[in-house]
Protein backbone atom coordinates (compact mmCIF):
# COMPACT_ATOMS: atom_id res chain seq x y z
CA MET A 1 4.07 14.09 7.36
CA PHE A 2 5.67 10.56 7.01
CA LEU A 3 2.42 8.01 7.18
CA ILE A 4 2.47 4.08 7.19
CA LYS A 5 -0.79 2.18 6.36
CA LYS A 6 -2.55 1.43 8.50
CA PHE A 7 -3.80 4.01 10.81
CA GLY A 8 -6.97 5.42 12.76
CA PHE A 9 -7.22 8.52 10.47
CA SER A 10 -9.69 11.08 12.00
CA TYR A 11 -7.25 13.27 13.48
CA LEU A 12 -5.35 13.41 10.01
CA PHE A 13 -8.30 14.01 8.57
CA LEU A 14 -9.57 16.85 10.67
CA GLN A 15 -5.90 18.19 10.30
CA ILE A 16 -6.26 18.63 6.76
CA LEU A 17 -9.55 20.03 6.42
CA LEU A 18 -8.90 22.88 8.78
CA GLY A 19 -5.88 23.62 6.36
CA LEU A 20 -8.39 24.10 4.05
CA HIS A 21 -9.47 27.84 5.45
CA CYS A 22 -6.05 29.08 5.15
CA THR A 23 -5.42 31.34 2.61
CA ARG A 24 -4.93 30.51 -0.93
CA ALA A 25 -1.46 31.84 -0.48
CA SER A 26 -0.82 29.43 2.76
CA ARG A 27 -2.23 26.50 1.20
CA PRO A 28 0.14 23.37 1.09
CA ASN A 29 0.87 21.06 -1.77
CA ILE A 30 0.14 17.47 -0.43
CA LEU A 31 1.52 14.28 -1.94
CA TYR A 32 0.07 11.27 -0.27
CA ILE A 33 2.04 8.37 -0.61
CA MET A 34 0.57 4.96 0.07
CA SER A 35 2.53 1.75 0.33
CA ASP A 36 0.73 -1.44 0.95
CA ASP A 37 1.62 -4.20 3.82
CA HIS A 38 4.51 -1.93 4.60
CA ALA A 39 5.86 -3.16 7.86
CA ALA A 40 7.94 -0.75 10.55
CA HIS A 41 10.88 -3.16 10.27
CA ALA A 42 11.26 -2.59 6.87
CA ILE A 43 11.72 0.98 7.04
CA SER A 44 15.17 1.55 8.64
CA ALA A 45 14.18 4.79 10.02
CA TYR A 46 11.89 2.69 12.90
CA GLY A 47 15.55 0.94 14.16
CA GLY A 48 14.05 -2.11 13.82
CA ARG A 49 15.93 -5.52 13.68
CA LEU A 50 16.19 -4.77 9.69
CA ALA A 51 17.74 -0.93 9.65
CA GLU A 52 21.46 -2.42 9.49
CA ILE A 53 20.40 -5.09 6.82
CA ALA A 54 17.94 -2.99 4.39
CA PRO A 55 18.57 -0.07 5.01
CA THR A 56 15.76 2.55 3.21
CA PRO A 57 17.91 5.93 3.02
CA ASN A 58 15.02 7.46 1.07
CA LEU A 59 12.06 7.07 3.32
CA ASP A 60 14.59 7.89 6.34
CA ARG A 61 15.04 11.00 4.90
CA LEU A 62 11.19 11.61 4.54
CA ALA A 63 11.20 10.58 8.47
CA SER A 64 13.78 13.17 9.18
CA GLU A 65 12.43 15.90 7.73
CA GLY A 66 8.76 15.14 9.08
CA MET A 67 6.93 13.30 11.31
CA ARG A 68 7.35 9.53 12.70
CA PHE A 69 3.76 7.71 13.76
CA THR A 70 5.44 5.48 16.70
CA ASN A 71 1.92 4.44 18.83
CA ALA A 72 -0.64 4.13 15.63
CA PHE A 73 -3.12 1.76 15.79
CA VAL A 74 -5.03 0.38 13.03
CA THR A 75 -8.94 0.44 13.18
CA ASN A 76 -9.74 -2.39 10.71
CA SER A 77 -6.68 -4.11 9.05
CA ILE A 78 -7.96 -5.89 5.69
CA CYS A 79 -7.54 -3.89 2.55
CA THR A 80 -10.37 -2.01 1.17
CA PRO A 81 -11.91 -1.04 4.48
CA SER A 82 -8.49 0.36 5.96
CA ARG A 83 -8.49 2.29 2.92
CA THR A 84 -12.13 3.51 3.14
CA VAL A 85 -11.28 4.32 6.33
CA LEU A 86 -8.57 6.90 4.89
CA TRP A 87 -10.65 7.89 2.23
CA THR A 88 -13.63 9.19 4.87
CA GLY A 89 -12.61 9.52 8.49
CA LYS A 90 -15.07 7.46 9.42
CA TYR A 91 -15.09 4.36 11.25
CA SER A 92 -15.97 0.86 9.26
CA HIS A 93 -19.67 0.78 10.76
CA ILE A 94 -20.12 3.93 9.82
CA ASN A 95 -18.94 4.30 6.56
CA GLY A 96 -20.44 0.79 5.57
CA VAL A 97 -17.32 -0.70 4.08
CA TYR A 98 -16.46 -3.62 6.65
CA LYS A 99 -15.29 -6.11 4.06
CA PHE A 100 -14.11 -6.34 0.25
CA THR A 101 -17.39 -4.04 -0.61
CA GLY A 102 -17.37 -0.52 -2.91
CA LEU A 103 -17.05 2.61 -1.47
CA ASP A 104 -20.86 4.19 -1.76
CA GLN A 105 -19.34 7.12 -3.96
CA ARG A 106 -22.09 9.45 -2.27
CA LEU A 107 -20.55 9.74 1.07
CA PRO A 108 -18.20 13.02 1.51
CA THR A 109 -14.57 11.93 1.13
CA LEU A 110 -10.96 13.34 1.26
CA PRO A 111 -10.66 13.84 -2.52
CA LYS A 112 -13.86 15.38 -2.79
CA TYR A 113 -12.99 18.27 -0.19
CA MET A 114 -9.89 19.05 -1.54
CA GLN A 115 -11.44 19.71 -5.11
CA ALA A 116 -14.05 21.82 -3.61
CA HIS A 117 -11.82 23.77 -1.79
CA GLY A 118 -9.92 24.60 -4.91
CA TYR A 119 -6.99 21.72 -5.06
CA GLN A 120 -5.78 20.14 -8.36
CA THR A 121 -6.28 16.61 -7.63
CA GLY A 122 -4.87 13.44 -9.20
CA PHE A 123 -4.43 9.37 -8.09
CA VAL A 124 -2.47 7.01 -9.46
CA GLY A 125 -1.92 3.11 -8.41
CA LYS A 126 -3.86 0.93 -6.36
CA TYR A 127 -6.87 1.64 -5.65
CA HIS A 128 -8.96 -1.43 -4.43
CA LEU A 129 -12.23 0.84 -3.42
CA HIS A 130 -13.88 -1.16 -6.38
CA THR A 131 -16.69 1.95 -7.33
CA ASN A 132 -15.22 4.36 -9.79
CA PRO A 133 -13.41 7.07 -7.75
CA VAL A 134 -14.98 10.36 -7.80
CA GLY A 135 -13.39 13.94 -6.53
CA PHE A 136 -10.28 13.80 -9.29
CA ASP A 137 -9.17 15.48 -11.98
CA HIS A 138 -6.99 12.63 -13.10
CA TRP A 139 -7.16 9.32 -11.77
CA SER A 140 -5.12 5.84 -13.79
CA ILE A 141 -6.11 3.28 -11.38
CA LEU A 142 -5.13 -0.42 -10.78
CA PRO A 143 -8.07 -2.76 -11.56
CA GLY A 144 -8.26 -4.63 -7.92
CA GLN A 145 -5.13 -5.57 -6.43
CA GLY A 146 -3.74 -5.28 -10.25
CA LYS A 147 -0.63 -7.01 -11.55
CA TYR A 148 3.09 -6.26 -10.63
CA HIS A 149 4.46 -7.60 -14.00
CA ASP A 150 3.33 -5.93 -17.06
CA THR A 151 0.69 -3.57 -15.71
CA GLU A 152 -2.53 -3.10 -16.41
CA PHE A 153 -4.41 -0.25 -15.58
CA ILE A 154 -8.17 1.45 -15.96
CA GLU A 155 -7.69 5.02 -17.16
CA MET A 156 -9.73 8.02 -16.36
CA GLY A 157 -12.27 7.90 -19.53
CA ASN A 158 -11.88 4.13 -19.79
CA GLN A 159 -14.37 3.81 -16.51
CA HIS A 160 -17.41 1.43 -17.48
CA PRO A 161 -20.93 2.90 -16.97
CA SER A 162 -21.94 0.47 -14.05
CA GLY A 163 -19.40 1.95 -12.02
CA ILE A 164 -17.37 -1.00 -11.34
CA VAL A 165 -13.81 -0.62 -11.82
CA ARG A 166 -12.86 -4.02 -12.97
CA GLN A 167 -15.84 -3.63 -15.92
CA GLY A 168 -13.45 -0.85 -17.27
CA LYS A 169 -11.20 -1.30 -20.27
CA PRO A 170 -7.82 -1.95 -19.32
CA THR A 171 -4.73 -0.31 -20.93
CA PRO A 172 -1.76 -2.45 -21.22
CA TYR A 173 1.57 -1.50 -19.93
CA LYS A 174 4.07 -4.18 -21.52
CA GLY A 175 7.60 -4.37 -19.85
CA TRP A 176 6.76 -2.54 -16.72
CA HIS A 177 6.84 -3.52 -13.00
CA SER A 178 4.16 -1.74 -11.21
CA THR A 179 6.07 0.36 -9.23
CA ASP A 180 8.21 1.81 -12.01
CA ILE A 181 5.01 2.46 -13.83
CA ILE A 182 3.57 4.12 -11.18
CA THR A 183 6.37 6.25 -10.05
CA LYS A 184 6.41 6.93 -14.16
CA LYS A 185 2.84 8.08 -13.96
CA ALA A 186 2.75 10.64 -11.37
CA LEU A 187 6.31 12.22 -12.87
CA ASP A 188 4.17 12.48 -15.96
CA TRP A 189 1.09 14.07 -14.23
CA PHE A 190 3.39 16.98 -12.32
CA ASN A 191 5.71 17.54 -15.59
CA THR A 192 2.98 17.83 -17.95
CA THR A 193 -0.63 18.21 -16.27
CA ARG A 194 0.16 19.54 -13.16
CA VAL A 195 -1.65 23.55 -12.76
CA PRO A 196 1.40 25.75 -11.15
CA GLU A 197 -1.19 28.37 -10.12
CA LYS A 198 -3.14 25.54 -7.87
CA PRO A 199 -2.34 23.77 -5.21
CA PHE A 200 -2.39 19.93 -5.71
CA PHE A 201 -3.19 16.58 -3.55
CA TYR A 202 -1.81 13.86 -5.09
CA MET A 203 -2.58 10.51 -4.21
CA LEU A 204 0.05 8.22 -5.10
CA HIS A 205 -0.76 4.50 -4.14
CA TYR A 206 1.45 1.56 -4.48
CA LYS A 207 0.95 -1.95 -4.54
CA ALA A 208 4.81 -2.94 -3.43
CA PRO A 209 5.45 -4.64 -0.68
CA HIS A 210 1.45 -6.99 -0.70
CA ASP A 211 2.44 -10.38 -1.83
CA LEU A 212 3.57 -12.16 -3.50
CA TRP A 213 6.36 -10.01 -3.68
CA GLU A 214 7.39 -10.02 -7.56
CA HIS A 215 9.76 -7.65 -7.70
CA ALA A 216 11.82 -5.57 -10.18
CA HIS A 217 13.91 -8.44 -11.78
CA ARG A 218 17.26 -5.54 -11.04
CA TYR A 219 16.84 -6.40 -7.76
CA ASN A 220 16.70 -10.65 -7.96
CA ASP A 221 20.42 -10.84 -6.26
CA TYR A 222 19.60 -8.05 -3.75
CA LEU A 223 20.18 -9.60 -0.25
CA ALA A 224 21.41 -13.01 -2.10
CA ASP A 225 24.09 -13.56 0.43
CA VAL A 226 22.61 -12.06 3.73
CA VAL A 227 21.54 -13.89 6.44
CA ILE A 228 17.67 -12.32 7.68
CA PRO A 229 17.80 -12.53 11.66
CA GLU A 230 15.13 -14.57 12.71
CA PRO A 231 12.59 -13.51 15.01
CA ASP A 232 12.32 -14.88 18.66
CA ASN A 233 9.15 -16.53 17.85
CA LEU A 234 9.61 -18.39 14.24
CA LEU A 235 10.09 -21.70 15.73
CA ASP A 236 6.99 -21.35 18.31
CA HIS A 237 4.08 -23.97 17.99
CA SER A 238 0.60 -23.98 19.41
CA SER A 239 1.19 -26.29 22.47
CA GLY A 240 0.13 -25.25 25.65
CA ARG A 241 -1.45 -21.68 24.04
CA SER A 242 -5.17 -21.40 22.81
CA PRO A 243 -6.98 -23.82 20.35
CA ALA A 244 -7.60 -20.81 18.40
CA MET A 245 -3.92 -21.09 17.33
CA ASP A 246 -4.43 -24.18 15.46
CA GLN A 247 -6.97 -22.66 13.14
CA SER A 248 -4.47 -19.82 12.22
CA THR A 249 -3.44 -20.35 8.18
CA GLN A 250 -0.51 -17.91 8.49
CA ASN A 251 1.94 -20.65 8.59
CA ILE A 252 5.15 -19.47 7.04
CA ALA A 253 6.21 -23.39 6.50
CA SER A 254 3.16 -24.87 4.69
CA SER A 255 1.12 -21.83 2.80
CA GLU A 256 0.62 -22.75 -0.68
CA ARG A 257 1.53 -19.44 -1.53
CA HIS A 258 5.10 -19.60 -0.18
CA MET A 259 6.04 -22.75 -1.81
CA ASN A 260 5.53 -21.02 -5.15
CA PHE A 261 9.31 -19.75 -4.26
CA TYR A 262 11.05 -22.66 -4.86
CA PRO A 263 9.23 -26.44 -6.74
CA SER A 264 11.62 -28.15 -4.54
CA ILE A 265 10.17 -26.55 -1.10
CA LYS A 266 7.17 -28.72 -1.72
CA GLU A 267 9.08 -31.65 -0.82
CA MET A 268 11.10 -30.60 1.66
CA PRO A 269 9.90 -32.86 5.24
CA PRO A 270 7.81 -30.22 7.61
CA GLY A 271 9.94 -29.27 10.58
CA PHE A 272 12.01 -26.57 11.77
CA GLU A 273 14.28 -26.47 8.61
CA LYS A 274 12.20 -26.36 6.55
CA ARG A 275 10.20 -23.34 8.09
CA LYS A 276 14.14 -21.54 8.47
CA PHE A 277 14.70 -22.05 4.92
CA VAL A 278 10.97 -20.66 3.79
CA TYR A 279 11.50 -17.58 6.26
CA GLN A 280 14.79 -16.76 4.83
CA GLU A 281 13.09 -16.80 0.91
CA TYR A 282 9.75 -14.72 2.07
CA MET A 283 11.60 -12.05 3.86
CA LYS A 284 13.89 -11.45 0.91
CA ARG A 285 11.46 -11.26 -1.47
CA TYR A 286 9.44 -8.92 0.87
CA LEU A 287 12.45 -6.42 1.24
CA ARG A 288 13.30 -6.09 -2.17
């Protein structure tokens, strides 16, 4: 099954629970991979405007062997509530997490169900539910958003008795980019910890490509000489539009976060040329 964050989850939750009632021999292994803020345009299997410029053959292979969701919608797009919907199969007003608050671990959750039905369960990567996870035989999680470089993890066994993830003892991984160390940790689990006699449910959650797009250095030159196609509304303005448009902070040419790309951006006068320049750098870092 080919999944993309973020979408309403109840149907998927039901399908997995129904599968738990199969015989032990027929129960499938489940590897659940999540990326963060990953747009469909950035996956060439969806045939978007970036498909030829920045193809993603490995993701496309997963799509060709499984299922693509082409008409799926989020119920709550903020990070922590969105993940809680996936975790619980319940809308935010039912599971109680509608902003950056911690998950109530007394709730029934997908990992708890999997573990209770004989699955070996594991988790690595970005978690962002703030309270120490329950329902896993093993976990290794980024505290909060986590860092892209010199990544730190809260390892199972180093959690704080308060139940708050961030108060746990961090273990540093110097010299590692988060995508690489998350992948390595998952492979190590499969090679050394997995019990072959049991079905597994493993959640592999990447921080990327969430901003600020601090890619691995080996991709520094990727797309350097490519001009990214501009969207039709890149030069749009709020004239004649709803007054709410003037209150939007999602302005690619003025955000302080985006100006960190190049110090010279701060010196550029506002206007279309600045917006075009920032857009090119923004998109290349995102795709890297």
